[in-house]
């Protein structure tokens, strides 16, 4: 179902973020992201860079980020590139992304990435790619991760449970796919009621 028809309006900006995931021949994974910003009007940022004018339809930003990770989400290699930027100095920020090597993608990882790469040496838009890159990594490797987990005699609770409406612990999807981790909505209430009842019984 599409969005409702908008009021009359004029498009000013177009941002596209495209992400892809690849399994390499050596068993590692490449996760790539590209960000492109376009304006519908001429604009100027730098009197020298790009002739002092970025024409309508030309990319203000066209930047790339690739991280190579293992199945534990640990970053092994990082490459960044900037084909189009508003300022001449911007491409120098790509080298700072190497500081991500050794970092594990997971809860709090963007915060740690920002601690490693200060704002004075980073590119805002390369850093913007970290979150979509992380979710792309999970989507890319999910099948192999789940297959390995299923083959374990005592698998742990899938980390995806409880992350959204569809994956709610008391939902139909979890009940069918991982019945051992299904938690009926009133289970905690029943447990608390039982414990309260037992504690109130005379000894």
N, C-alpha and C. Protein backbone atom coordinates (compact mmCIF):
# COMPACT_ATOMS: atom_id res chain seq x y z
N UNK A 1 0.84 -1.19 0.00
CA UNK A 1 0.00 0.00 0.00
C UNK A 1 0.88 1.25 0.00
N UNK A 2 0.78 2.10 -1.00
CA UNK A 2 1.63 3.28 -1.08
C UNK A 2 1.20 4.36 -0.10
N UNK A 3 2.06 5.37 0.04
CA UNK A 3 1.72 6.52 0.88
C UNK A 3 0.55 7.29 0.25
N UNK A 4 -0.21 8.01 1.06
CA UNK A 4 -1.30 8.80 0.50
C UNK A 4 -0.76 9.92 -0.38
N UNK A 5 -1.57 10.38 -1.30
CA UNK A 5 -1.15 11.45 -2.19
C UNK A 5 -0.82 12.71 -1.38
N UNK A 6 0.32 13.34 -1.66
CA UNK A 6 0.71 14.54 -0.90
C UNK A 6 0.04 15.80 -1.45
N UNK A 7 0.18 16.88 -0.71
CA UNK A 7 -0.26 18.18 -1.22
C UNK A 7 0.73 18.61 -2.30
N UNK A 8 0.41 19.62 -3.05
CA UNK A 8 1.31 20.09 -4.10
C UNK A 8 2.65 20.49 -3.48
N UNK A 9 3.73 20.07 -4.10
CA UNK A 9 5.04 20.31 -3.51
C UNK A 9 6.12 20.29 -4.59
N UNK A 10 7.34 20.70 -4.22
CA UNK A 10 8.47 20.76 -5.13
C UNK A 10 9.63 19.98 -4.52
N UNK A 11 10.16 19.03 -5.27
CA UNK A 11 11.29 18.23 -4.77
C UNK A 11 12.56 19.06 -4.76
N UNK A 12 13.30 19.01 -3.65
CA UNK A 12 14.53 19.76 -3.51
C UNK A 12 15.76 18.87 -3.38
N UNK A 13 15.58 17.73 -2.74
CA UNK A 13 16.75 16.89 -2.42
C UNK A 13 16.43 15.41 -2.62
N UNK A 14 17.44 14.68 -3.01
CA UNK A 14 17.31 13.23 -3.20
C UNK A 14 18.52 12.56 -2.57
N UNK A 15 18.27 11.71 -1.59
CA UNK A 15 19.35 10.93 -0.98
C UNK A 15 19.06 9.45 -1.19
N UNK A 16 20.03 8.75 -1.70
CA UNK A 16 19.92 7.31 -1.89
C UNK A 16 21.04 6.61 -1.13
N UNK A 17 20.67 5.61 -0.36
CA UNK A 17 21.66 4.76 0.32
C UNK A 17 21.43 3.34 -0.17
N UNK A 18 22.44 2.78 -0.78
CA UNK A 18 22.33 1.43 -1.34
C UNK A 18 23.35 0.53 -0.65
N UNK A 19 22.88 -0.60 -0.15
CA UNK A 19 23.76 -1.53 0.56
C UNK A 19 23.69 -2.92 -0.08
N UNK A 20 24.82 -3.60 -0.07
CA UNK A 20 24.91 -4.96 -0.61
C UNK A 20 25.78 -5.81 0.30
N UNK A 21 25.51 -7.11 0.32
CA UNK A 21 26.30 -8.05 1.10
C UNK A 21 26.80 -9.19 0.23
N UNK A 22 28.06 -9.57 0.41
CA UNK A 22 28.68 -10.62 -0.40
C UNK A 22 29.42 -11.61 0.48
N UNK A 23 29.36 -12.89 0.12
CA UNK A 23 30.21 -13.89 0.76
C UNK A 23 31.43 -14.11 -0.11
N UNK A 24 32.59 -13.99 0.49
CA UNK A 24 33.85 -14.11 -0.25
C UNK A 24 34.31 -15.55 -0.33
N UNK A 25 35.22 -15.81 -1.26
CA UNK A 25 35.75 -17.15 -1.44
C UNK A 25 36.53 -17.63 -0.22
N UNK A 26 37.04 -16.69 0.58
CA UNK A 26 37.81 -17.08 1.76
C UNK A 26 36.94 -17.26 3.01
N UNK A 27 35.60 -17.16 2.84
CA UNK A 27 34.70 -17.39 3.96
C UNK A 27 34.29 -16.13 4.70
N UNK A 28 34.97 -15.03 4.44
CA UNK A 28 34.59 -13.75 5.06
C UNK A 28 33.46 -13.10 4.25
N UNK A 29 32.94 -12.00 4.78
CA UNK A 29 31.85 -11.30 4.12
C UNK A 29 32.23 -9.84 3.86
N UNK A 30 31.90 -9.37 2.66
CA UNK A 30 32.05 -7.95 2.34
C UNK A 30 30.67 -7.30 2.40
N UNK A 31 30.57 -6.23 3.16
CA UNK A 31 29.34 -5.45 3.24
C UNK A 31 29.66 -4.06 2.70
N UNK A 32 28.92 -3.66 1.68
CA UNK A 32 29.20 -2.38 1.02
C UNK A 32 28.01 -1.44 1.08
N UNK A 33 28.31 -0.17 1.25
CA UNK A 33 27.25 0.85 1.29
C UNK A 33 27.69 2.04 0.45
N UNK A 34 26.72 2.63 -0.22
CA UNK A 34 26.98 3.83 -1.03
C UNK A 34 25.92 4.87 -0.74
N UNK A 35 26.33 6.11 -0.57
CA UNK A 35 25.41 7.22 -0.31
C UNK A 35 25.59 8.26 -1.41
N UNK A 36 24.46 8.66 -2.01
CA UNK A 36 24.47 9.68 -3.05
C UNK A 36 23.44 10.75 -2.70
N UNK A 37 23.88 12.01 -2.66
CA UNK A 37 23.00 13.15 -2.45
C UNK A 37 22.92 13.97 -3.73
N UNK A 38 21.70 14.30 -4.16
CA UNK A 38 21.48 15.13 -5.33
C UNK A 38 20.58 16.29 -4.96
N UNK A 39 20.80 17.44 -5.57
CA UNK A 39 19.93 18.60 -5.38
C UNK A 39 19.22 18.91 -6.69
N UNK A 40 18.07 19.51 -6.61
CA UNK A 40 17.34 19.89 -7.82
C UNK A 40 17.65 21.33 -8.21
N UNK A 41 18.61 21.94 -7.53
CA UNK A 41 18.98 23.32 -7.81
C UNK A 41 20.49 23.46 -7.73
N UNK A 42 21.03 24.46 -8.38
CA UNK A 42 22.47 24.74 -8.30
C UNK A 42 22.83 25.19 -6.88
N UNK A 43 23.99 24.79 -6.41
CA UNK A 43 24.43 25.22 -5.08
C UNK A 43 25.94 25.40 -5.07
N UNK A 44 26.42 26.13 -4.10
CA UNK A 44 27.85 26.42 -4.00
C UNK A 44 28.30 26.24 -2.56
N UNK A 45 29.43 25.55 -2.36
CA UNK A 45 29.99 25.34 -1.03
C UNK A 45 31.40 25.91 -0.93
N UNK A 46 32.18 25.68 -1.98
CA UNK A 46 33.60 26.01 -1.97
C UNK A 46 33.90 26.82 -3.22
N UNK A 47 34.52 27.96 -3.07
CA UNK A 47 34.80 28.82 -4.22
C UNK A 47 35.76 28.19 -5.21
N UNK A 48 36.57 27.24 -4.72
CA UNK A 48 37.58 26.62 -5.58
C UNK A 48 37.16 25.22 -6.03
N UNK A 49 36.73 24.41 -5.09
CA UNK A 49 36.43 23.01 -5.38
C UNK A 49 35.27 22.87 -6.37
N UNK A 50 35.46 22.05 -7.35
CA UNK A 50 34.45 21.76 -8.37
C UNK A 50 34.01 23.03 -9.13
N UNK A 51 34.94 23.94 -9.30
CA UNK A 51 34.65 25.14 -10.06
C UNK A 51 33.76 26.12 -9.33
N UNK A 52 33.55 25.89 -8.04
CA UNK A 52 32.73 26.78 -7.23
C UNK A 52 31.24 26.60 -7.42
N UNK A 53 30.84 25.56 -8.16
CA UNK A 53 29.41 25.36 -8.39
C UNK A 53 29.08 23.88 -8.57
N UNK A 54 28.07 23.44 -7.84
CA UNK A 54 27.54 22.09 -8.03
C UNK A 54 26.19 22.25 -8.70
N UNK A 55 26.10 21.82 -9.92
CA UNK A 55 24.89 22.04 -10.70
C UNK A 55 23.78 21.07 -10.28
N UNK A 56 22.56 21.48 -10.51
CA UNK A 56 21.41 20.63 -10.22
C UNK A 56 21.56 19.29 -10.91
N UNK A 57 21.32 18.21 -10.17
CA UNK A 57 21.44 16.87 -10.74
C UNK A 57 22.81 16.25 -10.58
N UNK A 58 23.82 17.06 -10.24
CA UNK A 58 25.15 16.52 -9.96
C UNK A 58 25.21 16.09 -8.50
N UNK A 59 25.92 15.01 -8.21
CA UNK A 59 25.99 14.57 -6.81
C UNK A 59 26.75 15.54 -5.92
N UNK A 60 26.13 15.92 -4.82
CA UNK A 60 26.82 16.68 -3.79
C UNK A 60 27.76 15.74 -3.05
N UNK A 61 27.22 14.56 -2.73
CA UNK A 61 28.02 13.49 -2.13
C UNK A 61 27.86 12.23 -2.96
N UNK A 62 28.93 11.52 -3.15
CA UNK A 62 28.90 10.17 -3.73
C UNK A 62 30.02 9.42 -3.05
N UNK A 63 29.68 8.69 -2.01
CA UNK A 63 30.69 8.07 -1.15
C UNK A 63 30.41 6.58 -0.96
N UNK A 64 31.49 5.84 -0.69
CA UNK A 64 31.41 4.39 -0.57
C UNK A 64 32.09 3.93 0.72
N UNK A 65 31.57 2.84 1.26
CA UNK A 65 32.20 2.22 2.43
C UNK A 65 32.05 0.71 2.33
N UNK A 66 33.17 0.03 2.48
CA UNK A 66 33.16 -1.44 2.49
C UNK A 66 33.84 -1.94 3.76
N UNK A 67 33.17 -2.84 4.46
CA UNK A 67 33.81 -3.50 5.59
C UNK A 67 33.81 -5.00 5.33
N UNK A 68 34.89 -5.64 5.70
CA UNK A 68 35.01 -7.09 5.60
C UNK A 68 34.92 -7.65 7.01
N UNK A 69 33.99 -8.58 7.22
CA UNK A 69 33.75 -9.10 8.58
C UNK A 69 33.70 -10.62 8.57
N UNK A 70 33.88 -11.19 9.76
CA UNK A 70 33.73 -12.64 9.90
C UNK A 70 32.35 -12.94 10.49
N UNK A 71 32.09 -14.22 10.73
CA UNK A 71 30.77 -14.61 11.22
C UNK A 71 30.49 -14.13 12.63
N UNK A 72 31.51 -13.63 13.32
CA UNK A 72 31.31 -13.06 14.65
C UNK A 72 31.12 -11.54 14.57
N UNK A 73 31.01 -11.02 13.34
CA UNK A 73 30.78 -9.60 13.09
C UNK A 73 31.99 -8.73 13.44
N UNK A 74 33.17 -9.33 13.51
CA UNK A 74 34.38 -8.55 13.78
C UNK A 74 34.93 -8.02 12.47
N UNK A 75 35.20 -6.73 12.42
CA UNK A 75 35.67 -6.09 11.19
C UNK A 75 37.15 -6.42 10.95
N UNK A 76 37.42 -6.97 9.78
CA UNK A 76 38.77 -7.37 9.40
C UNK A 76 39.46 -6.34 8.51
N UNK A 77 38.70 -5.73 7.60
CA UNK A 77 39.26 -4.74 6.68
C UNK A 77 38.23 -3.65 6.45
N UNK A 78 38.69 -2.46 6.10
CA UNK A 78 37.80 -1.34 5.79
C UNK A 78 38.37 -0.57 4.61
N UNK A 79 37.50 -0.24 3.68
CA UNK A 79 37.87 0.63 2.57
C UNK A 79 36.78 1.70 2.42
N UNK A 80 37.19 2.93 2.20
CA UNK A 80 36.25 4.03 1.98
C UNK A 80 36.74 4.87 0.82
N UNK A 81 35.78 5.45 0.09
CA UNK A 81 36.14 6.29 -1.05
C UNK A 81 35.09 7.37 -1.22
N UNK A 82 35.53 8.52 -1.76
CA UNK A 82 34.62 9.63 -2.02
C UNK A 82 34.81 10.09 -3.45
N UNK A 83 33.82 9.84 -4.30
CA UNK A 83 33.90 10.27 -5.69
C UNK A 83 33.42 11.71 -5.88
N UNK A 84 32.51 12.15 -5.02
CA UNK A 84 32.00 13.52 -5.10
C UNK A 84 31.78 14.04 -3.69
N UNK A 85 32.31 15.24 -3.42
CA UNK A 85 32.17 15.87 -2.10
C UNK A 85 32.00 17.38 -2.30
N UNK A 86 31.43 18.07 -1.32
CA UNK A 86 31.24 19.51 -1.46
C UNK A 86 32.50 20.33 -1.22
N UNK A 87 33.49 19.75 -0.51
CA UNK A 87 34.72 20.47 -0.21
C UNK A 87 35.93 19.64 -0.64
N UNK A 88 36.98 20.30 -1.00
CA UNK A 88 38.18 19.64 -1.50
C UNK A 88 38.83 18.75 -0.44
N UNK A 89 38.68 19.11 0.82
CA UNK A 89 39.35 18.39 1.90
C UNK A 89 38.62 17.10 2.29
N UNK A 90 37.36 16.98 1.92
CA UNK A 90 36.52 15.87 2.39
C UNK A 90 37.11 14.47 2.16
N UNK A 91 37.68 14.16 1.00
CA UNK A 91 38.18 12.81 0.77
C UNK A 91 39.26 12.35 1.76
N UNK A 92 39.92 13.29 2.42
CA UNK A 92 40.94 12.91 3.40
C UNK A 92 40.35 12.14 4.57
N UNK A 93 39.05 12.31 4.80
CA UNK A 93 38.40 11.63 5.93
C UNK A 93 38.28 10.13 5.71
N UNK A 94 38.43 9.66 4.48
CA UNK A 94 38.27 8.22 4.21
C UNK A 94 39.29 7.38 4.97
N UNK A 95 40.51 7.90 5.15
CA UNK A 95 41.56 7.12 5.81
C UNK A 95 41.23 6.84 7.27
N UNK A 96 40.45 7.72 7.89
CA UNK A 96 40.11 7.54 9.30
C UNK A 96 39.24 6.31 9.53
N UNK A 97 38.54 5.86 8.51
CA UNK A 97 37.64 4.72 8.67
C UNK A 97 38.40 3.42 8.97
N UNK A 98 39.70 3.41 8.72
CA UNK A 98 40.51 2.23 9.04
C UNK A 98 40.50 1.93 10.54
N UNK A 99 40.15 2.94 11.34
CA UNK A 99 40.10 2.74 12.79
C UNK A 99 39.01 1.76 13.20
N UNK A 100 38.13 1.42 12.27
CA UNK A 100 37.07 0.46 12.58
C UNK A 100 37.56 -0.98 12.63
N UNK A 101 38.74 -1.24 12.09
CA UNK A 101 39.28 -2.61 12.08
C UNK A 101 39.42 -3.12 13.51
N UNK A 102 38.92 -4.33 13.73
CA UNK A 102 38.96 -4.93 15.06
C UNK A 102 37.70 -4.71 15.87
N UNK A 103 36.87 -3.79 15.43
CA UNK A 103 35.62 -3.50 16.14
C UNK A 103 34.57 -4.55 15.79
N UNK A 104 33.77 -4.93 16.76
CA UNK A 104 32.71 -5.91 16.52
C UNK A 104 31.38 -5.20 16.36
N UNK A 105 30.70 -5.48 15.25
CA UNK A 105 29.38 -4.90 15.00
C UNK A 105 28.38 -5.55 15.95
N UNK A 106 27.71 -4.74 16.74
CA UNK A 106 26.75 -5.22 17.71
C UNK A 106 26.23 -4.06 18.53
N UNK A 107 25.53 -4.35 19.63
CA UNK A 107 24.99 -3.27 20.46
C UNK A 107 26.08 -2.29 20.90
N UNK A 108 25.83 -1.00 20.68
CA UNK A 108 26.77 0.03 21.10
C UNK A 108 27.96 0.25 20.19
N UNK A 109 27.99 -0.44 19.05
CA UNK A 109 29.19 -0.36 18.22
C UNK A 109 29.35 1.00 17.54
N UNK A 110 28.25 1.65 17.19
CA UNK A 110 28.35 2.97 16.56
C UNK A 110 28.94 3.98 17.54
N UNK A 111 28.54 3.88 18.80
CA UNK A 111 29.10 4.76 19.83
C UNK A 111 30.61 4.54 19.96
N UNK A 112 31.03 3.28 19.95
CA UNK A 112 32.46 3.00 20.05
C UNK A 112 33.20 3.47 18.79
N UNK A 113 32.55 3.35 17.63
CA UNK A 113 33.16 3.82 16.39
C UNK A 113 33.41 5.32 16.45
N UNK A 114 32.46 6.05 17.01
CA UNK A 114 32.60 7.51 17.13
C UNK A 114 33.67 7.89 18.14
N UNK A 115 33.90 7.02 19.12
CA UNK A 115 34.97 7.27 20.07
C UNK A 115 36.34 7.07 19.41
N UNK A 116 36.39 6.10 18.49
CA UNK A 116 37.65 5.84 17.79
C UNK A 116 37.93 6.89 16.72
N UNK A 117 36.86 7.35 16.08
CA UNK A 117 37.01 8.29 14.96
C UNK A 117 36.36 9.61 15.37
N UNK A 118 37.15 10.55 15.80
CA UNK A 118 36.63 11.83 16.26
C UNK A 118 36.00 12.63 15.13
N UNK A 119 35.12 13.54 15.50
CA UNK A 119 34.43 14.35 14.49
C UNK A 119 35.38 15.24 13.71
N UNK A 120 36.54 15.53 14.29
CA UNK A 120 37.49 16.43 13.61
C UNK A 120 38.27 15.74 12.50
N UNK A 121 38.15 14.40 12.41
CA UNK A 121 38.87 13.68 11.35
C UNK A 121 37.93 12.82 10.51
N UNK A 122 36.65 12.81 10.84
CA UNK A 122 35.72 11.90 10.17
C UNK A 122 34.85 12.63 9.16
N UNK A 123 34.11 11.84 8.40
CA UNK A 123 33.11 12.36 7.47
C UNK A 123 31.74 11.99 8.02
N UNK A 124 30.90 13.00 8.23
CA UNK A 124 29.56 12.77 8.78
C UNK A 124 28.80 11.71 8.00
N UNK A 125 28.93 11.75 6.68
CA UNK A 125 28.10 10.89 5.84
C UNK A 125 28.65 9.47 5.74
N UNK A 126 29.96 9.31 5.86
CA UNK A 126 30.51 7.97 5.99
C UNK A 126 30.04 7.34 7.30
N UNK A 127 30.03 8.14 8.36
CA UNK A 127 29.55 7.63 9.65
C UNK A 127 28.06 7.32 9.60
N UNK A 128 27.31 8.08 8.78
CA UNK A 128 25.89 7.80 8.62
C UNK A 128 25.64 6.41 8.05
N UNK A 129 26.62 5.87 7.34
CA UNK A 129 26.45 4.56 6.70
C UNK A 129 26.64 3.39 7.66
N UNK A 130 27.11 3.65 8.86
CA UNK A 130 27.40 2.55 9.79
C UNK A 130 26.15 1.76 10.18
N UNK A 131 25.06 2.45 10.44
CA UNK A 131 23.85 1.75 10.88
C UNK A 131 23.23 0.90 9.77
N UNK A 132 22.99 1.46 8.57
CA UNK A 132 22.45 0.60 7.52
C UNK A 132 23.42 -0.52 7.12
N UNK A 133 24.72 -0.25 7.24
CA UNK A 133 25.71 -1.28 6.94
C UNK A 133 25.58 -2.44 7.93
N UNK A 134 25.35 -2.13 9.20
CA UNK A 134 25.23 -3.16 10.22
C UNK A 134 24.01 -4.05 9.99
N UNK A 135 22.87 -3.44 9.68
CA UNK A 135 21.66 -4.24 9.45
C UNK A 135 21.79 -5.06 8.18
N UNK A 136 22.51 -4.52 7.19
CA UNK A 136 22.76 -5.29 5.97
C UNK A 136 23.64 -6.50 6.27
N UNK A 137 24.61 -6.32 7.15
CA UNK A 137 25.48 -7.43 7.54
C UNK A 137 24.67 -8.56 8.15
N UNK A 138 23.75 -8.21 9.03
CA UNK A 138 22.94 -9.24 9.67
C UNK A 138 22.07 -9.96 8.65
N UNK A 139 21.44 -9.20 7.76
CA UNK A 139 20.60 -9.81 6.73
C UNK A 139 21.42 -10.73 5.83
N UNK A 140 22.64 -10.32 5.54
CA UNK A 140 23.51 -11.08 4.65
C UNK A 140 23.92 -12.41 5.27
N UNK A 141 24.25 -12.41 6.55
CA UNK A 141 24.82 -13.59 7.18
C UNK A 141 23.80 -14.41 7.96
N UNK A 142 22.56 -13.93 8.01
CA UNK A 142 21.55 -14.57 8.85
C UNK A 142 21.40 -16.06 8.56
N UNK A 143 21.31 -16.42 7.27
CA UNK A 143 21.06 -17.82 6.92
C UNK A 143 22.15 -18.73 7.46
N UNK A 144 23.41 -18.34 7.30
CA UNK A 144 24.51 -19.18 7.78
C UNK A 144 24.56 -19.21 9.31
N UNK A 145 24.30 -18.06 9.93
CA UNK A 145 24.30 -18.02 11.39
C UNK A 145 23.21 -18.93 11.96
N UNK A 146 22.01 -18.85 11.37
CA UNK A 146 20.89 -19.66 11.85
C UNK A 146 21.14 -21.14 11.60
N UNK A 147 21.74 -21.47 10.47
CA UNK A 147 22.03 -22.88 10.18
C UNK A 147 23.00 -23.46 11.19
N UNK A 148 24.03 -22.70 11.51
CA UNK A 148 25.00 -23.18 12.50
C UNK A 148 24.36 -23.31 13.88
N UNK A 149 23.47 -22.37 14.22
CA UNK A 149 22.81 -22.42 15.53
C UNK A 149 21.89 -23.64 15.64
N UNK A 150 21.20 -23.96 14.56
CA UNK A 150 20.28 -25.10 14.57
C UNK A 150 21.01 -26.41 14.75
N UNK A 151 22.25 -26.46 14.32
CA UNK A 151 23.03 -27.70 14.43
C UNK A 151 23.65 -27.91 15.81
N UNK A 152 23.53 -26.89 16.67
CA UNK A 152 24.06 -27.04 18.02
C UNK A 152 23.04 -27.78 18.89
N UNK A 153 23.49 -28.69 19.77
CA UNK A 153 22.55 -29.43 20.62
C UNK A 153 21.74 -28.54 21.55
N UNK A 154 22.35 -27.51 22.08
CA UNK A 154 21.66 -26.58 22.96
C UNK A 154 21.87 -25.16 22.45
N UNK A 155 21.08 -24.81 21.46
CA UNK A 155 21.24 -23.49 20.85
C UNK A 155 20.76 -22.40 21.80
N UNK A 156 21.36 -21.22 21.68
CA UNK A 156 20.94 -20.10 22.50
C UNK A 156 19.75 -19.39 21.88
N UNK A 157 19.20 -18.47 22.62
CA UNK A 157 18.06 -17.70 22.14
C UNK A 157 18.49 -16.82 20.98
N UNK A 158 17.80 -16.89 19.85
CA UNK A 158 18.15 -16.04 18.71
C UNK A 158 18.11 -14.56 19.10
N UNK A 159 19.15 -13.82 18.81
CA UNK A 159 19.19 -12.40 19.21
C UNK A 159 18.11 -11.55 18.54
N UNK A 160 17.53 -12.06 17.47
CA UNK A 160 16.51 -11.29 16.77
C UNK A 160 15.18 -11.25 17.52
N UNK A 161 14.99 -12.20 18.44
CA UNK A 161 13.73 -12.24 19.20
C UNK A 161 13.64 -11.00 20.10
N UNK A 162 12.49 -10.35 20.02
CA UNK A 162 12.25 -9.16 20.84
C UNK A 162 12.71 -7.87 20.22
N UNK A 163 13.12 -7.91 18.94
CA UNK A 163 13.64 -6.70 18.31
C UNK A 163 12.59 -5.92 17.52
N UNK A 164 11.42 -6.51 17.29
CA UNK A 164 10.37 -5.81 16.54
C UNK A 164 9.03 -6.50 16.77
N UNK A 165 7.99 -5.96 16.19
CA UNK A 165 6.64 -6.51 16.35
C UNK A 165 6.57 -7.96 15.88
N UNK A 166 7.12 -8.23 14.69
CA UNK A 166 7.05 -9.58 14.14
C UNK A 166 7.82 -10.58 15.00
N UNK A 167 8.92 -10.11 15.61
CA UNK A 167 9.76 -11.02 16.39
C UNK A 167 9.50 -10.93 17.90
N UNK A 168 8.34 -10.43 18.27
CA UNK A 168 7.98 -10.37 19.70
C UNK A 168 8.00 -11.78 20.29
N UNK A 169 8.51 -11.88 21.52
CA UNK A 169 8.65 -13.19 22.16
C UNK A 169 7.31 -13.89 22.34
N UNK A 170 6.23 -13.11 22.40
CA UNK A 170 4.91 -13.71 22.58
C UNK A 170 4.13 -13.75 21.27
N UNK A 171 4.81 -13.57 20.15
CA UNK A 171 4.13 -13.51 18.86
C UNK A 171 4.07 -14.84 18.14
N UNK A 172 3.27 -14.84 17.08
CA UNK A 172 3.04 -16.06 16.31
C UNK A 172 4.30 -16.55 15.60
N UNK A 173 5.11 -15.61 15.11
CA UNK A 173 6.32 -16.00 14.38
C UNK A 173 7.26 -16.78 15.28
N UNK A 174 7.52 -16.26 16.47
CA UNK A 174 8.41 -16.95 17.40
C UNK A 174 7.81 -18.27 17.84
N UNK A 175 6.51 -18.30 18.07
CA UNK A 175 5.84 -19.53 18.50
C UNK A 175 6.04 -20.65 17.48
N UNK A 176 6.00 -20.30 16.19
CA UNK A 176 6.13 -21.31 15.13
C UNK A 176 7.58 -21.66 14.83
N UNK A 177 8.46 -20.66 14.81
CA UNK A 177 9.84 -20.89 14.40
C UNK A 177 10.73 -21.36 15.54
N UNK A 178 10.52 -20.79 16.73
CA UNK A 178 11.34 -21.15 17.88
C UNK A 178 10.42 -21.38 19.09
N UNK A 179 9.64 -22.44 19.07
CA UNK A 179 8.68 -22.67 20.16
C UNK A 179 9.33 -22.77 21.53
N UNK A 180 10.59 -23.19 21.58
CA UNK A 180 11.28 -23.31 22.87
C UNK A 180 11.57 -21.96 23.50
N UNK A 181 11.50 -20.88 22.69
CA UNK A 181 11.76 -19.53 23.21
C UNK A 181 10.49 -18.68 23.22
N UNK A 182 9.37 -19.30 22.94
CA UNK A 182 8.09 -18.58 22.94
C UNK A 182 7.69 -18.26 24.37
N UNK A 183 7.27 -17.02 24.62
CA UNK A 183 6.87 -16.59 25.95
C UNK A 183 5.47 -15.98 25.88
N UNK A 184 4.44 -16.72 26.29
CA UNK A 184 3.09 -16.15 26.28
C UNK A 184 3.05 -14.83 27.04
N UNK A 185 2.23 -13.93 26.59
CA UNK A 185 2.21 -12.58 27.15
C UNK A 185 1.90 -12.56 28.63
N UNK A 186 1.04 -13.47 29.09
CA UNK A 186 0.65 -13.47 30.50
C UNK A 186 1.50 -14.41 31.34
N UNK A 187 2.58 -14.94 30.78
CA UNK A 187 3.39 -15.91 31.53
C UNK A 187 4.01 -15.27 32.76
N UNK A 188 4.53 -14.04 32.61
CA UNK A 188 5.14 -13.36 33.75
C UNK A 188 4.10 -13.01 34.80
N UNK A 189 2.89 -12.61 34.33
CA UNK A 189 1.82 -12.28 35.26
C UNK A 189 1.42 -13.51 36.07
N UNK A 190 1.31 -14.65 35.36
CA UNK A 190 0.94 -15.88 36.05
C UNK A 190 2.02 -16.30 37.06
N UNK A 191 3.27 -16.10 36.68
CA UNK A 191 4.37 -16.46 37.56
C UNK A 191 4.36 -15.59 38.81
N UNK A 192 4.15 -14.29 38.61
CA UNK A 192 4.13 -13.37 39.74
C UNK A 192 2.95 -13.66 40.66
N UNK A 193 1.80 -14.00 40.06
CA UNK A 193 0.61 -14.31 40.85
C UNK A 193 0.83 -15.56 41.68
N UNK A 194 1.47 -16.56 41.04
CA UNK A 194 1.74 -17.81 41.75
C UNK A 194 2.71 -17.58 42.91
N UNK A 195 3.78 -16.78 42.65
CA UNK A 195 4.76 -16.52 43.70
C UNK A 195 4.13 -15.73 44.84
N UNK A 196 3.25 -14.76 44.50
CA UNK A 196 2.60 -13.98 45.53
C UNK A 196 1.67 -14.86 46.37
N UNK A 197 0.97 -15.78 45.69
CA UNK A 197 0.06 -16.67 46.39
C UNK A 197 0.81 -17.59 47.34
N UNK A 198 1.96 -18.11 46.85
CA UNK A 198 2.74 -19.03 47.68
C UNK A 198 3.33 -18.31 48.88
N UNK A 199 3.74 -17.05 48.66
CA UNK A 199 4.37 -16.31 49.77
C UNK A 199 3.35 -15.90 50.84
N UNK A 200 2.06 -15.84 50.46
CA UNK A 200 1.04 -15.42 51.40
C UNK A 200 0.43 -16.59 52.20
N UNK A 201 0.79 -17.82 51.80
CA UNK A 201 0.24 -19.00 52.51
C UNK A 201 0.89 -19.10 53.88
N UNK A 202 0.10 -19.47 54.90
CA UNK A 202 0.66 -19.61 56.25
C UNK A 202 1.67 -20.74 56.32
N UNK A 203 2.71 -20.55 57.09
CA UNK A 203 3.75 -21.58 57.20
C UNK A 203 3.44 -22.52 58.36
